[in-house]
Amino acid sequence: MKLSDFKKQLEITQELNFILPDGIVVPQHFHVTEVGQITKHFIDCGGTVRNEKTVSFQLWEANDIDHRLAPQKLINIITLSEKILGVEDAEIEVEYQSDTIGKYGLQFNGKNFILTTKQTNCLASDSCGIPAEKLKVNLKELQTTNNSCCTPGGNCC
């Protein structure tokens, strides 16, 4: 989800709920401890120079169980980050503490914000030597056309 989409959802959302990929709800007393922009400048394994920008939110929970972050308060924090830091409209990456800092994508299901899993991937699979996955086919399931002469008894061999 891009930052602009997130802000639109915040405008119509009454309360902030974030749900982890396993269905566990982030406790309502979470804090957004950081809003920022991360720029990643790197070379992939195929030698291509790349630049990626993401908007980073860091969710953190403390023992302050009476704390509730209202959508408008988060809009104010985002507006300030755009003004002071120049945060751009990019995909959001959410950091949340579990066994280690987890990084998640973000979606909205009409009521709640859903933290989605992220996966690594080779960005240069066409040039770094990783073979393409081969399609696994059961030969018994292959169908022949009526026009094929290469069928049992078709006299093509």
N, C-alpha and C. Protein backbone atom coordinates (compact mmCIF):
# COMPACT_ATOMS: atom_id res chain seq x y z
N MET A 1 0.84 -1.17 0.00
CA MET A 1 0.00 0.00 0.00
C MET A 1 0.89 1.24 0.00
N LYS A 2 0.55 2.16 -0.87
CA LYS A 2 1.29 3.41 -0.92
C LYS A 2 0.81 4.35 0.19
N LEU A 3 1.66 5.29 0.52
CA LEU A 3 1.36 6.24 1.58
C LEU A 3 0.07 7.01 1.29
N SER A 4 -0.13 7.43 0.05
CA SER A 4 -1.35 8.18 -0.28
C SER A 4 -2.60 7.35 -0.03
N ASP A 5 -2.56 6.05 -0.35
CA ASP A 5 -3.70 5.16 -0.10
C ASP A 5 -3.94 4.99 1.40
N PHE A 6 -2.85 4.87 2.15
CA PHE A 6 -2.95 4.72 3.60
C PHE A 6 -3.62 5.96 4.21
N LYS A 7 -3.20 7.13 3.77
CA LYS A 7 -3.77 8.37 4.31
C LYS A 7 -5.27 8.46 3.99
N LYS A 8 -5.67 8.04 2.79
CA LYS A 8 -7.09 8.05 2.44
C LYS A 8 -7.89 7.14 3.37
N GLN A 9 -7.33 5.98 3.68
CA GLN A 9 -8.01 5.06 4.59
C GLN A 9 -8.08 5.63 6.00
N LEU A 10 -7.03 6.31 6.42
CA LEU A 10 -7.03 6.91 7.76
C LEU A 10 -8.13 7.95 7.89
N GLU A 11 -8.43 8.65 6.80
CA GLU A 11 -9.46 9.70 6.82
C GLU A 11 -10.84 9.12 7.16
N ILE A 12 -11.09 7.86 6.79
CA ILE A 12 -12.41 7.27 7.00
C ILE A 12 -12.42 6.20 8.10
N THR A 13 -11.27 5.95 8.71
CA THR A 13 -11.15 4.93 9.73
C THR A 13 -11.39 5.53 11.11
N GLN A 14 -12.19 4.84 11.91
CA GLN A 14 -12.49 5.32 13.26
C GLN A 14 -11.40 4.95 14.26
N GLU A 15 -10.84 3.75 14.12
CA GLU A 15 -9.76 3.33 15.02
C GLU A 15 -8.74 2.52 14.25
N LEU A 16 -7.51 2.59 14.74
CA LEU A 16 -6.39 1.91 14.09
C LEU A 16 -6.24 0.50 14.63
N ASN A 17 -6.38 -0.46 13.74
CA ASN A 17 -6.14 -1.86 14.09
C ASN A 17 -5.19 -2.44 13.06
N PHE A 18 -4.11 -3.04 13.54
CA PHE A 18 -3.16 -3.72 12.67
C PHE A 18 -3.20 -5.20 13.02
N ILE A 19 -3.26 -6.04 12.00
CA ILE A 19 -3.33 -7.48 12.20
C ILE A 19 -2.14 -8.13 11.53
N LEU A 20 -1.45 -8.99 12.29
CA LEU A 20 -0.28 -9.71 11.77
C LEU A 20 -0.72 -10.80 10.80
N PRO A 21 0.18 -11.30 9.96
CA PRO A 21 -0.18 -12.32 8.98
C PRO A 21 -0.80 -13.58 9.59
N ASP A 22 -0.46 -13.89 10.83
CA ASP A 22 -1.03 -15.08 11.47
C ASP A 22 -2.38 -14.80 12.14
N GLY A 23 -2.93 -13.59 11.96
CA GLY A 23 -4.23 -13.25 12.50
C GLY A 23 -4.20 -12.59 13.87
N ILE A 24 -3.05 -12.55 14.50
CA ILE A 24 -2.93 -11.91 15.81
C ILE A 24 -3.02 -10.39 15.64
N VAL A 25 -3.82 -9.77 16.49
CA VAL A 25 -4.01 -8.32 16.44
C VAL A 25 -2.90 -7.65 17.25
N VAL A 26 -2.27 -6.64 16.64
CA VAL A 26 -1.29 -5.84 17.38
C VAL A 26 -2.05 -5.15 18.50
N PRO A 27 -1.57 -5.24 19.74
CA PRO A 27 -2.29 -4.62 20.87
C PRO A 27 -2.61 -3.15 20.58
N GLN A 28 -3.79 -2.74 20.98
CA GLN A 28 -4.27 -1.38 20.67
C GLN A 28 -3.44 -0.29 21.31
N HIS A 29 -2.60 -0.62 22.26
CA HIS A 29 -1.78 0.41 22.91
C HIS A 29 -0.42 0.59 22.23
N PHE A 30 -0.34 0.17 20.94
CA PHE A 30 0.92 0.34 20.21
C PHE A 30 1.21 1.82 19.99
N HIS A 31 2.47 2.10 19.75
CA HIS A 31 2.92 3.44 19.37
C HIS A 31 3.50 3.34 17.97
N VAL A 32 3.40 4.39 17.19
CA VAL A 32 4.17 4.51 15.95
C VAL A 32 5.39 5.32 16.34
N THR A 33 6.52 4.63 16.51
CA THR A 33 7.71 5.30 17.03
C THR A 33 8.54 5.96 15.95
N GLU A 34 8.31 5.57 14.71
CA GLU A 34 9.06 6.17 13.59
C GLU A 34 8.18 6.23 12.36
N VAL A 35 8.28 7.33 11.64
CA VAL A 35 7.76 7.46 10.28
C VAL A 35 8.90 8.06 9.49
N GLY A 36 9.30 7.41 8.45
CA GLY A 36 10.42 7.92 7.67
C GLY A 36 10.46 7.35 6.28
N GLN A 37 11.43 7.76 5.55
CA GLN A 37 11.65 7.24 4.21
C GLN A 37 13.00 6.54 4.17
N ILE A 38 13.00 5.35 3.63
CA ILE A 38 14.23 4.59 3.51
C ILE A 38 14.59 4.50 2.04
N THR A 39 15.81 4.88 1.73
CA THR A 39 16.32 4.78 0.37
C THR A 39 17.37 3.68 0.35
N LYS A 40 17.19 2.74 -0.53
CA LYS A 40 18.11 1.62 -0.66
C LYS A 40 18.76 1.73 -2.04
N HIS A 41 20.07 1.92 -2.05
CA HIS A 41 20.85 2.05 -3.28
C HIS A 41 21.77 0.84 -3.32
N PHE A 42 21.60 -0.03 -4.30
CA PHE A 42 22.33 -1.29 -4.28
C PHE A 42 22.58 -1.83 -5.68
N ILE A 43 23.39 -2.85 -5.73
CA ILE A 43 23.65 -3.58 -6.97
C ILE A 43 23.13 -4.99 -6.79
N ASP A 44 22.33 -5.45 -7.74
CA ASP A 44 21.82 -6.82 -7.64
C ASP A 44 22.88 -7.80 -8.14
N CYS A 45 22.59 -9.08 -8.03
CA CYS A 45 23.57 -10.10 -8.37
C CYS A 45 23.87 -10.16 -9.86
N GLY A 46 23.09 -9.47 -10.67
CA GLY A 46 23.37 -9.39 -12.10
C GLY A 46 24.16 -8.15 -12.47
N GLY A 47 24.51 -7.32 -11.48
CA GLY A 47 25.31 -6.13 -11.73
C GLY A 47 24.51 -4.88 -12.02
N THR A 48 23.19 -4.93 -11.91
CA THR A 48 22.35 -3.77 -12.17
C THR A 48 22.26 -2.90 -10.91
N VAL A 49 22.52 -1.60 -11.07
CA VAL A 49 22.39 -0.66 -9.97
C VAL A 49 20.91 -0.33 -9.81
N ARG A 50 20.44 -0.37 -8.58
CA ARG A 50 19.02 -0.13 -8.32
C ARG A 50 18.85 0.86 -7.17
N ASN A 51 17.72 1.55 -7.20
CA ASN A 51 17.30 2.45 -6.12
C ASN A 51 15.87 2.10 -5.75
N GLU A 52 15.63 1.94 -4.48
CA GLU A 52 14.27 1.70 -3.99
C GLU A 52 14.00 2.67 -2.85
N LYS A 53 12.79 3.18 -2.82
CA LYS A 53 12.37 4.02 -1.70
C LYS A 53 11.11 3.42 -1.10
N THR A 54 11.09 3.35 0.21
CA THR A 54 9.91 2.92 0.93
C THR A 54 9.64 3.89 2.06
N VAL A 55 8.39 3.95 2.46
CA VAL A 55 8.01 4.70 3.65
C VAL A 55 8.01 3.70 4.79
N SER A 56 8.67 4.02 5.86
CA SER A 56 8.82 3.11 6.98
C SER A 56 8.01 3.58 8.18
N PHE A 57 7.21 2.67 8.70
CA PHE A 57 6.52 2.88 9.98
C PHE A 57 7.07 1.86 10.95
N GLN A 58 7.36 2.26 12.15
CA GLN A 58 7.78 1.31 13.17
C GLN A 58 6.71 1.29 14.26
N LEU A 59 6.11 0.12 14.43
CA LEU A 59 5.11 -0.08 15.48
C LEU A 59 5.81 -0.67 16.69
N TRP A 60 5.46 -0.17 17.86
CA TRP A 60 6.08 -0.63 19.10
C TRP A 60 5.02 -0.63 20.18
N GLU A 61 5.06 -1.61 21.02
CA GLU A 61 4.12 -1.63 22.13
C GLU A 61 4.88 -1.57 23.45
N ALA A 62 4.33 -0.80 24.34
CA ALA A 62 4.93 -0.64 25.66
C ALA A 62 3.92 -1.11 26.70
N ASN A 63 4.25 -0.89 27.94
CA ASN A 63 3.33 -1.28 29.01
C ASN A 63 2.30 -0.19 29.29
N ASP A 64 2.25 0.82 28.44
CA ASP A 64 1.30 1.92 28.55
C ASP A 64 -0.02 1.47 27.92
N ILE A 65 -0.79 0.64 28.64
CA ILE A 65 -1.98 0.02 28.04
C ILE A 65 -3.13 1.00 27.85
N ASP A 66 -3.03 2.20 28.39
CA ASP A 66 -4.08 3.19 28.21
C ASP A 66 -3.87 4.04 26.95
N HIS A 67 -2.75 3.83 26.27
CA HIS A 67 -2.42 4.61 25.07
C HIS A 67 -3.24 4.11 23.88
N ARG A 68 -3.83 5.02 23.13
CA ARG A 68 -4.50 4.69 21.87
C ARG A 68 -4.13 5.76 20.86
N LEU A 69 -3.62 5.32 19.73
CA LEU A 69 -3.25 6.26 18.67
C LEU A 69 -4.46 6.45 17.75
N ALA A 70 -4.96 7.65 17.68
CA ALA A 70 -6.11 7.97 16.83
C ALA A 70 -5.64 8.16 15.39
N PRO A 71 -6.49 7.82 14.43
CA PRO A 71 -6.11 8.00 13.02
C PRO A 71 -5.67 9.43 12.70
N GLN A 72 -6.36 10.44 13.24
CA GLN A 72 -5.99 11.83 12.95
C GLN A 72 -4.61 12.17 13.49
N LYS A 73 -4.24 11.63 14.64
CA LYS A 73 -2.91 11.86 15.21
C LYS A 73 -1.84 11.28 14.28
N LEU A 74 -2.11 10.09 13.72
CA LEU A 74 -1.14 9.49 12.79
C LEU A 74 -1.07 10.30 11.50
N ILE A 75 -2.20 10.81 11.04
CA ILE A 75 -2.17 11.69 9.85
C ILE A 75 -1.28 12.91 10.13
N ASN A 76 -1.38 13.47 11.32
CA ASN A 76 -0.54 14.63 11.68
C ASN A 76 0.94 14.26 11.69
N ILE A 77 1.27 13.08 12.19
CA ILE A 77 2.67 12.63 12.21
C ILE A 77 3.18 12.45 10.77
N ILE A 78 2.35 11.84 9.93
CA ILE A 78 2.73 11.63 8.52
C ILE A 78 2.92 12.97 7.82
N THR A 79 2.00 13.90 8.03
CA THR A 79 2.09 15.23 7.41
C THR A 79 3.38 15.93 7.82
N LEU A 80 3.73 15.82 9.08
CA LEU A 80 4.97 16.41 9.57
C LEU A 80 6.18 15.75 8.91
N SER A 81 6.15 14.42 8.74
CA SER A 81 7.28 13.73 8.10
C SER A 81 7.40 14.13 6.64
N GLU A 82 6.28 14.35 5.98
CA GLU A 82 6.33 14.80 4.58
C GLU A 82 6.92 16.20 4.50
N LYS A 83 6.52 17.07 5.41
CA LYS A 83 6.99 18.45 5.40
C LYS A 83 8.46 18.56 5.79
N ILE A 84 8.86 17.92 6.88
CA ILE A 84 10.21 18.08 7.41
C ILE A 84 11.21 17.18 6.69
N LEU A 85 10.84 15.94 6.44
CA LEU A 85 11.78 14.97 5.85
C LEU A 85 11.65 14.82 4.33
N GLY A 86 10.57 15.35 3.77
CA GLY A 86 10.36 15.18 2.34
C GLY A 86 9.93 13.77 1.98
N VAL A 87 9.23 13.09 2.89
CA VAL A 87 8.78 11.72 2.63
C VAL A 87 7.88 11.72 1.40
N GLU A 88 8.18 10.82 0.48
CA GLU A 88 7.46 10.73 -0.79
C GLU A 88 6.36 9.68 -0.72
N ASP A 89 5.52 9.67 -1.74
CA ASP A 89 4.45 8.68 -1.84
C ASP A 89 5.04 7.37 -2.38
N ALA A 90 5.39 6.49 -1.47
CA ALA A 90 5.99 5.20 -1.84
C ALA A 90 5.29 4.09 -1.07
N GLU A 91 5.64 2.86 -1.40
CA GLU A 91 5.08 1.71 -0.68
C GLU A 91 5.49 1.77 0.78
N ILE A 92 4.57 1.37 1.65
CA ILE A 92 4.83 1.37 3.08
C ILE A 92 5.40 0.02 3.50
N GLU A 93 6.42 0.10 4.34
CA GLU A 93 6.98 -1.09 4.98
C GLU A 93 6.84 -0.86 6.48
N VAL A 94 6.22 -1.83 7.16
CA VAL A 94 5.97 -1.71 8.59
C VAL A 94 6.95 -2.60 9.34
N GLU A 95 7.64 -2.03 10.31
CA GLU A 95 8.51 -2.80 11.19
C GLU A 95 7.75 -3.07 12.49
N TYR A 96 7.84 -4.33 12.95
CA TYR A 96 7.18 -4.69 14.20
C TYR A 96 8.02 -5.73 14.90
N GLN A 97 8.17 -5.59 16.20
CA GLN A 97 9.02 -6.47 16.98
C GLN A 97 8.34 -7.81 17.26
N SER A 98 9.04 -8.89 16.92
CA SER A 98 8.64 -10.23 17.36
C SER A 98 9.91 -10.84 17.95
N ASP A 99 10.37 -11.97 17.43
CA ASP A 99 11.66 -12.51 17.88
C ASP A 99 12.80 -11.60 17.45
N THR A 100 12.61 -10.94 16.32
CA THR A 100 13.51 -9.93 15.81
C THR A 100 12.63 -8.89 15.14
N ILE A 101 13.20 -7.86 14.58
CA ILE A 101 12.37 -6.87 13.90
C ILE A 101 11.85 -7.49 12.61
N GLY A 102 10.55 -7.62 12.49
CA GLY A 102 9.95 -8.13 11.27
C GLY A 102 9.57 -6.98 10.36
N LYS A 103 9.67 -7.21 9.07
CA LYS A 103 9.27 -6.19 8.09
C LYS A 103 8.09 -6.73 7.30
N TYR A 104 7.06 -5.90 7.19
CA TYR A 104 5.81 -6.33 6.58
C TYR A 104 5.34 -5.32 5.55
N GLY A 105 4.60 -5.81 4.56
CA GLY A 105 3.86 -4.95 3.66
C GLY A 105 2.57 -4.57 4.36
N LEU A 106 1.72 -3.81 3.68
CA LEU A 106 0.50 -3.33 4.31
C LEU A 106 -0.66 -3.36 3.32
N GLN A 107 -1.80 -3.86 3.77
CA GLN A 107 -3.04 -3.85 3.00
C GLN A 107 -4.17 -3.39 3.92
N PHE A 108 -5.30 -3.08 3.33
CA PHE A 108 -6.48 -2.68 4.09
C PHE A 108 -7.63 -3.57 3.66
N ASN A 109 -8.36 -4.14 4.62
CA ASN A 109 -9.45 -5.05 4.26
C ASN A 109 -10.83 -4.41 4.42
N GLY A 110 -10.88 -3.10 4.50
CA GLY A 110 -12.14 -2.40 4.67
C GLY A 110 -12.40 -2.00 6.11
N LYS A 111 -11.71 -2.64 7.05
CA LYS A 111 -11.87 -2.32 8.46
C LYS A 111 -10.53 -2.23 9.18
N ASN A 112 -9.63 -3.16 8.87
CA ASN A 112 -8.35 -3.26 9.56
C ASN A 112 -7.19 -3.16 8.58
N PHE A 113 -6.05 -2.74 9.10
CA PHE A 113 -4.82 -2.76 8.32
C PHE A 113 -4.15 -4.11 8.56
N ILE A 114 -3.82 -4.77 7.48
CA ILE A 114 -3.26 -6.12 7.53
C ILE A 114 -1.77 -6.05 7.20
N LEU A 115 -0.94 -6.54 8.12
CA LEU A 115 0.49 -6.64 7.86
C LEU A 115 0.70 -7.90 7.03
N THR A 116 1.33 -7.75 5.88
CA THR A 116 1.52 -8.87 4.97
C THR A 116 2.98 -9.31 4.96
N THR A 117 3.19 -10.59 4.72
CA THR A 117 4.55 -11.12 4.69
C THR A 117 5.28 -10.59 3.48
N LYS A 118 6.57 -10.48 3.62
CA LYS A 118 7.44 -10.06 2.52
C LYS A 118 8.43 -11.19 2.26
N GLN A 119 8.83 -11.34 1.03
CA GLN A 119 9.75 -12.40 0.64
C GLN A 119 10.95 -11.81 -0.09
N THR A 120 12.09 -12.46 0.06
CA THR A 120 13.24 -12.07 -0.74
C THR A 120 13.10 -12.73 -2.11
N ASN A 121 13.82 -12.20 -3.08
CA ASN A 121 13.77 -12.75 -4.42
C ASN A 121 15.00 -12.30 -5.18
N CYS A 122 15.39 -13.06 -6.15
CA CYS A 122 16.48 -12.67 -7.03
C CYS A 122 15.94 -11.66 -8.04
N LEU A 123 16.54 -10.50 -8.12
CA LEU A 123 16.08 -9.47 -9.05
C LEU A 123 16.70 -9.61 -10.43
N ALA A 124 17.69 -10.48 -10.56
CA ALA A 124 18.38 -10.64 -11.84
C ALA A 124 18.41 -12.10 -12.26
N SER A 125 17.30 -12.79 -12.06
CA SER A 125 17.30 -14.22 -12.33
C SER A 125 17.60 -14.55 -13.79
N ASP A 126 17.35 -13.60 -14.70
CA ASP A 126 17.66 -13.84 -16.12
C ASP A 126 19.15 -13.75 -16.42
N SER A 127 19.93 -13.17 -15.51
CA SER A 127 21.36 -13.01 -15.82
C SER A 127 22.29 -13.60 -14.77
N CYS A 128 21.77 -14.16 -13.70
CA CYS A 128 22.70 -14.64 -12.67
C CYS A 128 22.85 -16.15 -12.63
N GLY A 129 22.19 -16.85 -13.53
CA GLY A 129 22.43 -18.28 -13.65
C GLY A 129 21.46 -19.18 -12.91
N ILE A 130 20.42 -18.63 -12.33
CA ILE A 130 19.43 -19.47 -11.67
C ILE A 130 18.52 -20.06 -12.74
N PRO A 131 18.42 -21.39 -12.79
CA PRO A 131 17.56 -21.98 -13.82
C PRO A 131 16.09 -21.69 -13.54
N ALA A 132 15.34 -21.51 -14.61
CA ALA A 132 13.91 -21.30 -14.47
C ALA A 132 13.27 -22.58 -13.97
N GLU A 133 12.21 -22.44 -13.19
CA GLU A 133 11.52 -23.63 -12.71
C GLU A 133 10.88 -24.34 -13.89
N LYS A 134 11.05 -25.63 -13.90
CA LYS A 134 10.46 -26.42 -14.98
C LYS A 134 9.05 -26.82 -14.60
N LEU A 135 8.17 -26.80 -15.58
CA LEU A 135 6.80 -27.20 -15.38
C LEU A 135 6.75 -28.70 -15.18
N LYS A 136 6.12 -29.14 -14.10
CA LYS A 136 5.99 -30.57 -13.84
C LYS A 136 4.66 -31.03 -14.39
N VAL A 137 4.71 -31.99 -15.32
CA VAL A 137 3.53 -32.46 -16.01
C VAL A 137 3.45 -33.97 -15.85
N ASN A 138 2.25 -34.46 -15.56
CA ASN A 138 2.01 -35.90 -15.54
C ASN A 138 1.70 -36.31 -16.97
N LEU A 139 2.52 -37.17 -17.54
CA LEU A 139 2.37 -37.54 -18.95
C LEU A 139 1.01 -38.17 -19.24
N LYS A 140 0.41 -38.83 -18.27
CA LYS A 140 -0.90 -39.44 -18.47
C LYS A 140 -1.98 -38.39 -18.69
N GLU A 141 -1.72 -37.17 -18.20
CA GLU A 141 -2.72 -36.11 -18.30
C GLU A 141 -2.60 -35.30 -19.60
N LEU A 142 -1.55 -35.55 -20.38
CA LEU A 142 -1.40 -34.86 -21.66
C LEU A 142 -2.45 -35.37 -22.63
N GLN A 143 -3.07 -34.46 -23.33
CA GLN A 143 -4.08 -34.85 -24.32
C GLN A 143 -3.50 -34.64 -25.71
N THR A 144 -3.86 -35.52 -26.60
CA THR A 144 -3.43 -35.36 -27.98
C THR A 144 -4.61 -34.85 -28.78
N THR A 145 -4.33 -34.17 -29.87
CA THR A 145 -5.38 -33.68 -30.74
C THR A 145 -5.72 -34.76 -31.75
N ASN A 146 -6.87 -34.67 -32.31
CA ASN A 146 -7.30 -35.66 -33.30
C ASN A 146 -6.46 -35.60 -34.56
N ASN A 147 -5.83 -34.47 -34.81
CA ASN A 147 -5.02 -34.31 -36.02
C ASN A 147 -3.62 -34.89 -35.86
N SER A 148 -3.28 -35.32 -34.70
CA SER A 148 -1.91 -35.81 -34.45
C SER A 148 -1.74 -37.20 -35.03
N CYS A 149 -0.66 -37.37 -35.74
CA CYS A 149 -0.39 -38.70 -36.26
C CYS A 149 0.43 -39.52 -35.27
N CYS A 150 0.92 -38.87 -34.24
CA CYS A 150 1.78 -39.56 -33.28
C CYS A 150 0.98 -40.07 -32.10
N THR A 151 0.01 -40.89 -32.36
CA THR A 151 -0.77 -41.54 -31.33
C THR A 151 -0.58 -43.04 -31.49
N PRO A 152 -0.82 -43.78 -30.47
CA PRO A 152 -0.69 -45.23 -30.64
C PRO A 152 -1.55 -45.70 -31.83
N GLY A 153 -0.91 -46.39 -32.74
CA GLY A 153 -1.60 -46.86 -33.96
C GLY A 153 -1.70 -45.81 -35.02
N GLY A 154 -1.04 -44.65 -34.86
CA GLY A 154 -1.14 -43.56 -35.83
C GLY A 154 -0.16 -43.71 -36.98
N ASN A 155 0.69 -44.70 -36.96
CA ASN A 155 1.64 -45.00 -38.03
C ASN A 155 2.62 -43.87 -38.31
N CYS A 156 3.03 -43.10 -37.27
CA CYS A 156 3.98 -42.01 -37.51
C CYS A 156 5.40 -42.46 -37.24
N CYS A 157 5.60 -43.58 -36.64
CA CYS A 157 6.96 -44.02 -36.30
C CYS A 157 7.39 -45.17 -37.18
